[in-house]
Amino acid sequence: MPAPLTLEAFRADLAEFLYQQPDEVDLEENPMDAGLGSLRIVTLLERWRETGS
């Protein structure tokens, strides 16, 4: 059974797509407002789906 997506992994993935360090990601901010486009969100969702997260 795949491991669930952890908060650390979620933050690291968002940081990668926002060109930030994980500790710079504000989890209270809407990712779209932070600069994450809809295509990048779909890419993240596909990544998580492939890993079973």
PDB file of N, CA and C in Angstrom:
ATOM      1  N   MET A   1       0.846  -1.182   0.000  1.00  0.00           N
ATOM      2  CA  MET A   1       0.000   0.000   0.000  1.00  0.00           C
ATOM      3  C   MET A   1       0.890   1.243   0.000  1.00  0.00           C
ATOM      4  N   PRO A   2       0.617   2.194  -0.882  1.00  0.00           N
ATOM      5  CA  PRO A   2       1.436   3.406  -0.952  1.00  0.00           C
ATOM      6  C   PRO A   2       1.298   4.244   0.313  1.00  0.00           C
ATOM      7  N   ALA A   3       2.346   4.973   0.605  1.00  0.00           N
ATOM      8  CA  ALA A   3       2.321   5.855   1.767  1.00  0.00           C
ATOM      9  C   ALA A   3       1.472   7.086   1.454  1.00  0.00           C
ATOM     10  N   PRO A   4       0.748   7.580   2.446  1.00  0.00           N
ATOM     11  CA  PRO A   4      -0.038   8.789   2.208  1.00  0.00           C
ATOM     12  C   PRO A   4       0.877   9.995   2.012  1.00  0.00           C
ATOM     13  N   LEU A   5       0.358  10.991   1.359  1.00  0.00           N
ATOM     14  CA  LEU A   5       1.097  12.229   1.135  1.00  0.00           C
ATOM     15  C   LEU A   5       1.236  12.955   2.466  1.00  0.00           C
ATOM     16  N   THR A   6       2.454  13.194   2.875  1.00  0.00           N
ATOM     17  CA  THR A   6       2.695  13.901   4.131  1.00  0.00           C
ATOM     18  C   THR A   6       2.673  15.405   3.894  1.00  0.00           C
ATOM     19  N   LEU A   7       2.528  16.151   4.963  1.00  0.00           N
ATOM     20  CA  LEU A   7       2.566  17.603   4.861  1.00  0.00           C
ATOM     21  C   LEU A   7       3.922  18.065   4.345  1.00  0.00           C
ATOM     22  N   GLU A   8       4.982  17.416   4.786  1.00  0.00           N
ATOM     23  CA  GLU A   8       6.330  17.770   4.319  1.00  0.00           C
ATOM     24  C   GLU A   8       6.472  17.546   2.816  1.00  0.00           C
ATOM     25  N   ALA A   9       5.980  16.415   2.327  1.00  0.00           N
ATOM     26  CA  ALA A   9       6.062  16.115   0.894  1.00  0.00           C
ATOM     27  C   ALA A   9       5.189  17.077   0.089  1.00  0.00           C
ATOM     28  N   PHE A  10       4.008  17.378   0.606  1.00  0.00           N
ATOM     29  CA  PHE A  10       3.110  18.330  -0.048  1.00  0.00           C
ATOM     30  C   PHE A  10       3.784  19.687  -0.178  1.00  0.00           C
ATOM     31  N   ARG A  11       4.376  20.148   0.908  1.00  0.00           N
ATOM     32  CA  ARG A  11       5.057  21.447   0.914  1.00  0.00           C
ATOM     33  C   ARG A  11       6.251  21.434  -0.041  1.00  0.00           C
ATOM     34  N   ALA A  12       7.004  20.340  -0.056  1.00  0.00           N
ATOM     35  CA  ALA A  12       8.170  20.233  -0.943  1.00  0.00           C
ATOM     36  C   ALA A  12       7.743  20.247  -2.409  1.00  0.00           C
ATOM     37  N   ASP A  13       6.656  19.553  -2.727  1.00  0.00           N
ATOM     38  CA  ASP A  13       6.167  19.543  -4.103  1.00  0.00           C
ATOM     39  C   ASP A  13       5.687  20.928  -4.528  1.00  0.00           C
ATOM     40  N   LEU A  14       4.955  21.601  -3.658  1.00  0.00           N
ATOM     41  CA  LEU A  14       4.520  22.960  -3.980  1.00  0.00           C
ATOM     42  C   LEU A  14       5.714  23.878  -4.172  1.00  0.00           C
ATOM     43  N   ALA A  15       6.692  23.761  -3.299  1.00  0.00           N
ATOM     44  CA  ALA A  15       7.887  24.602  -3.386  1.00  0.00           C
ATOM     45  C   ALA A  15       8.599  24.396  -4.717  1.00  0.00           C
ATOM     46  N   GLU A  16       8.701  23.151  -5.139  1.00  0.00           N
ATOM     47  CA  GLU A  16       9.360  22.854  -6.415  1.00  0.00           C
ATOM     48  C   GLU A  16       8.680  23.593  -7.567  1.00  0.00           C
ATOM     49  N   PHE A  17       7.366  23.577  -7.585  1.00  0.00           N
ATOM     50  CA  PHE A  17       6.621  24.194  -8.677  1.00  0.00           C
ATOM     51  C   PHE A  17       6.522  25.709  -8.548  1.00  0.00           C
ATOM     52  N   LEU A  18       6.763  26.228  -7.334  1.00  0.00           N
ATOM     53  CA  LEU A  18       6.738  27.677  -7.117  1.00  0.00           C
ATOM     54  C   LEU A  18       8.140  28.276  -7.120  1.00  0.00           C
ATOM     55  N   TYR A  19       9.144  27.423  -7.349  1.00  0.00           N
ATOM     56  CA  TYR A  19      10.546  27.862  -7.344  1.00  0.00           C
ATOM     57  C   TYR A  19      10.908  28.522  -6.012  1.00  0.00           C
ATOM     58  N   GLN A  20      10.513  27.853  -4.927  1.00  0.00           N
ATOM     59  CA  GLN A  20      10.791  28.327  -3.578  1.00  0.00           C
ATOM     60  C   GLN A  20      11.416  27.201  -2.776  1.00  0.00           C
ATOM     61  N   GLN A  21      11.873  27.549  -1.594  1.00  0.00           N
ATOM     62  CA  GLN A  21      12.303  26.548  -0.631  1.00  0.00           C
ATOM     63  C   GLN A  21      11.057  26.090   0.127  1.00  0.00           C
ATOM     64  N   PRO A  22      11.020  24.835   0.571  1.00  0.00           N
ATOM     65  CA  PRO A  22       9.826  24.356   1.275  1.00  0.00           C
ATOM     66  C   PRO A  22       9.404  25.228   2.459  1.00  0.00           C
ATOM     67  N   ASP A  23      10.367  25.766   3.198  1.00  0.00           N
ATOM     68  CA  ASP A  23       9.993  26.588   4.356  1.00  0.00           C
ATOM     69  C   ASP A  23       9.453  27.965   3.957  1.00  0.00           C
ATOM     70  N   GLU A  24       9.531  28.304   2.681  1.00  0.00           N
ATOM     71  CA  GLU A  24       8.988  29.574   2.187  1.00  0.00           C
ATOM     72  C   GLU A  24       7.534  29.450   1.741  1.00  0.00           C
ATOM     73  N   VAL A  25       7.036  28.239   1.628  1.00  0.00           N
ATOM     74  CA  VAL A  25       5.669  28.016   1.154  1.00  0.00           C
ATOM     75  C   VAL A  25       4.691  28.323   2.283  1.00  0.00           C
ATOM     76  N   ASP A  26       3.785  29.244   2.017  1.00  0.00           N
ATOM     77  CA  ASP A  26       2.746  29.610   2.978  1.00  0.00           C
ATOM     78  C   ASP A  26       1.530  28.724   2.707  1.00  0.00           C
ATOM     79  N   LEU A  27       1.275  27.789   3.590  1.00  0.00           N
ATOM     80  CA  LEU A  27       0.173  26.853   3.382  1.00  0.00           C
ATOM     81  C   LEU A  27      -1.192  27.504   3.565  1.00  0.00           C
ATOM     82  N   GLU A  28      -1.221  28.715   4.084  1.00  0.00           N
ATOM     83  CA  GLU A  28      -2.481  29.441   4.239  1.00  0.00           C
ATOM     84  C   GLU A  28      -2.848  30.206   2.963  1.00  0.00           C
ATOM     85  N   GLU A  29      -1.882  30.375   2.061  1.00  0.00           N
ATOM     86  CA  GLU A  29      -2.113  31.121   0.826  1.00  0.00           C
ATOM     87  C   GLU A  29      -2.632  30.187  -0.265  1.00  0.00           C
ATOM     88  N   ASN A  30      -3.565  30.684  -1.039  1.00  0.00           N
ATOM     89  CA  ASN A  30      -4.083  29.936  -2.175  1.00  0.00           C
ATOM     90  C   ASN A  30      -2.941  29.715  -3.163  1.00  0.00           C
ATOM     91  N   PRO A  31      -2.678  28.468  -3.569  1.00  0.00           N
ATOM     92  CA  PRO A  31      -1.581  28.213  -4.511  1.00  0.00           C
ATOM     93  C   PRO A  31      -1.700  29.002  -5.812  1.00  0.00           C
ATOM     94  N   MET A  32      -2.910  29.248  -6.272  1.00  0.00           N
ATOM     95  CA  MET A  32      -3.100  30.044  -7.490  1.00  0.00           C
ATOM     96  C   MET A  32      -2.625  31.479  -7.261  1.00  0.00           C
ATOM     97  N   ASP A  33      -2.928  32.024  -6.087  1.00  0.00           N
ATOM     98  CA  ASP A  33      -2.490  33.382  -5.762  1.00  0.00           C
ATOM     99  C   ASP A  33      -0.977  33.451  -5.593  1.00  0.00           C
ATOM    100  N   ALA A  34      -0.367  32.338  -5.221  1.00  0.00           N
ATOM    101  CA  ALA A  34       1.085  32.285  -5.035  1.00  0.00           C
ATOM    102  C   ALA A  34       1.821  32.143  -6.366  1.00  0.00           C
ATOM    103  N   GLY A  35       1.072  31.911  -7.441  1.00  0.00           N
ATOM    104  CA  GLY A  35       1.694  31.817  -8.756  1.00  0.00           C
ATOM    105  C   GLY A  35       1.648  30.443  -9.391  1.00  0.00           C
ATOM    106  N   LEU A  36       0.966  29.509  -8.769  1.00  0.00           N
ATOM    107  CA  LEU A  36       0.869  28.161  -9.318  1.00  0.00           C
ATOM    108  C   LEU A  36      -0.286  28.126 -10.315  1.00  0.00           C
ATOM    109  N   GLY A  37       0.028  27.898 -11.573  1.00  0.00           N
ATOM    110  CA  GLY A  37      -0.984  27.866 -12.615  1.00  0.00           C
ATOM    111  C   GLY A  37      -1.760  26.561 -12.623  1.00  0.00           C
ATOM    112  N   SER A  38      -2.880  26.580 -13.307  1.00  0.00           N
ATOM    113  CA  SER A  38      -3.755  25.407 -13.332  1.00  0.00           C
ATOM    114  C   SER A  38      -3.074  24.187 -13.948  1.00  0.00           C
ATOM    115  N   LEU A  39      -2.243  24.375 -14.956  1.00  0.00           N
ATOM    116  CA  LEU A  39      -1.552  23.227 -15.556  1.00  0.00           C
ATOM    117  C   LEU A  39      -0.557  22.606 -14.580  1.00  0.00           C
ATOM    118  N   ARG A  40       0.086  23.432 -13.792  1.00  0.00           N
ATOM    119  CA  ARG A  40       1.019  22.902 -12.795  1.00  0.00           C
ATOM    120  C   ARG A  40       0.271  22.155 -11.693  1.00  0.00           C
ATOM    121  N   ILE A  41      -0.905  22.644 -11.344  1.00  0.00           N
ATOM    122  CA  ILE A  41      -1.712  21.945 -10.344  1.00  0.00           C
ATOM    123  C   ILE A  41      -2.103  20.573 -10.870  1.00  0.00           C
ATOM    124  N   VAL A  42      -2.512  20.504 -12.134  1.00  0.00           N
ATOM    125  CA  VAL A  42      -2.864  19.213 -12.735  1.00  0.00           C
ATOM    126  C   VAL A  42      -1.649  18.289 -12.744  1.00  0.00           C
ATOM    127  N   THR A  43      -0.474  18.829 -13.042  1.00  0.00           N
ATOM    128  CA  THR A  43       0.753  18.029 -13.033  1.00  0.00           C
ATOM    129  C   THR A  43       1.024  17.474 -11.640  1.00  0.00           C
ATOM    130  N   LEU A  44       0.836  18.303 -10.619  1.00  0.00           N
ATOM    131  CA  LEU A  44       1.014  17.827  -9.243  1.00  0.00           C
ATOM    132  C   LEU A  44       0.008  16.723  -8.914  1.00  0.00           C
ATOM    133  N   LEU A  45      -1.243  16.930  -9.295  1.00  0.00           N
ATOM    134  CA  LEU A  45      -2.265  15.913  -9.033  1.00  0.00           C
ATOM    135  C   LEU A  45      -1.922  14.594  -9.717  1.00  0.00           C
ATOM    136  N   GLU A  46      -1.426  14.669 -10.941  1.00  0.00           N
ATOM    137  CA  GLU A  46      -1.028  13.450 -11.649  1.00  0.00           C
ATOM    138  C   GLU A  46       0.135  12.765 -10.939  1.00  0.00           C
ATOM    139  N   ARG A  47       1.092  13.540 -10.470  1.00  0.00           N
ATOM    140  CA  ARG A  47       2.232  12.976  -9.737  1.00  0.00           C
ATOM    141  C   ARG A  47       1.744  12.243  -8.493  1.00  0.00           C
ATOM    142  N   TRP A  48       0.860  12.890  -7.740  1.00  0.00           N
ATOM    143  CA  TRP A  48       0.367  12.275  -6.514  1.00  0.00           C
ATOM    144  C   TRP A  48      -0.471  11.037  -6.821  1.00  0.00           C
ATOM    145  N   ARG A  49      -1.251  11.083  -7.882  1.00  0.00           N
ATOM    146  CA  ARG A  49      -2.063   9.927  -8.258  1.00  0.00           C
ATOM    147  C   ARG A  49      -1.170   8.745  -8.642  1.00  0.00           C
ATOM    148  N   GLU A  50      -0.103   9.023  -9.400  1.00  0.00           N
ATOM    149  CA  GLU A  50       0.815   7.964  -9.828  1.00  0.00           C
ATOM    150  C   GLU A  50       1.521   7.302  -8.649  1.00  0.00           C
ATOM    151  N   THR A  51       1.790   8.086  -7.612  1.00  0.00           N
ATOM    152  CA  THR A  51       2.472   7.528  -6.441  1.00  0.00           C
ATOM    153  C   THR A  51       1.488   6.969  -5.422  1.00  0.00           C
ATOM    154  N   GLY A  52       0.192   7.108  -5.699  1.00  0.00           N
ATOM    155  CA  GLY A  52      -0.812   6.582  -4.791  1.00  0.00           C
ATOM    156  C   GLY A  52      -1.063   7.465  -3.592  1.00  0.00           C
ATOM    157  N   SER A  53      -0.625   8.695  -3.669  1.00  0.00           N
ATOM    158  CA  SER A  53      -0.808   9.622  -2.543  1.00  0.00           C
ATOM    159  C   SER A  53      -2.212  10.162  -2.491  1.00  0.00           C
TER     160      SER A  53
END
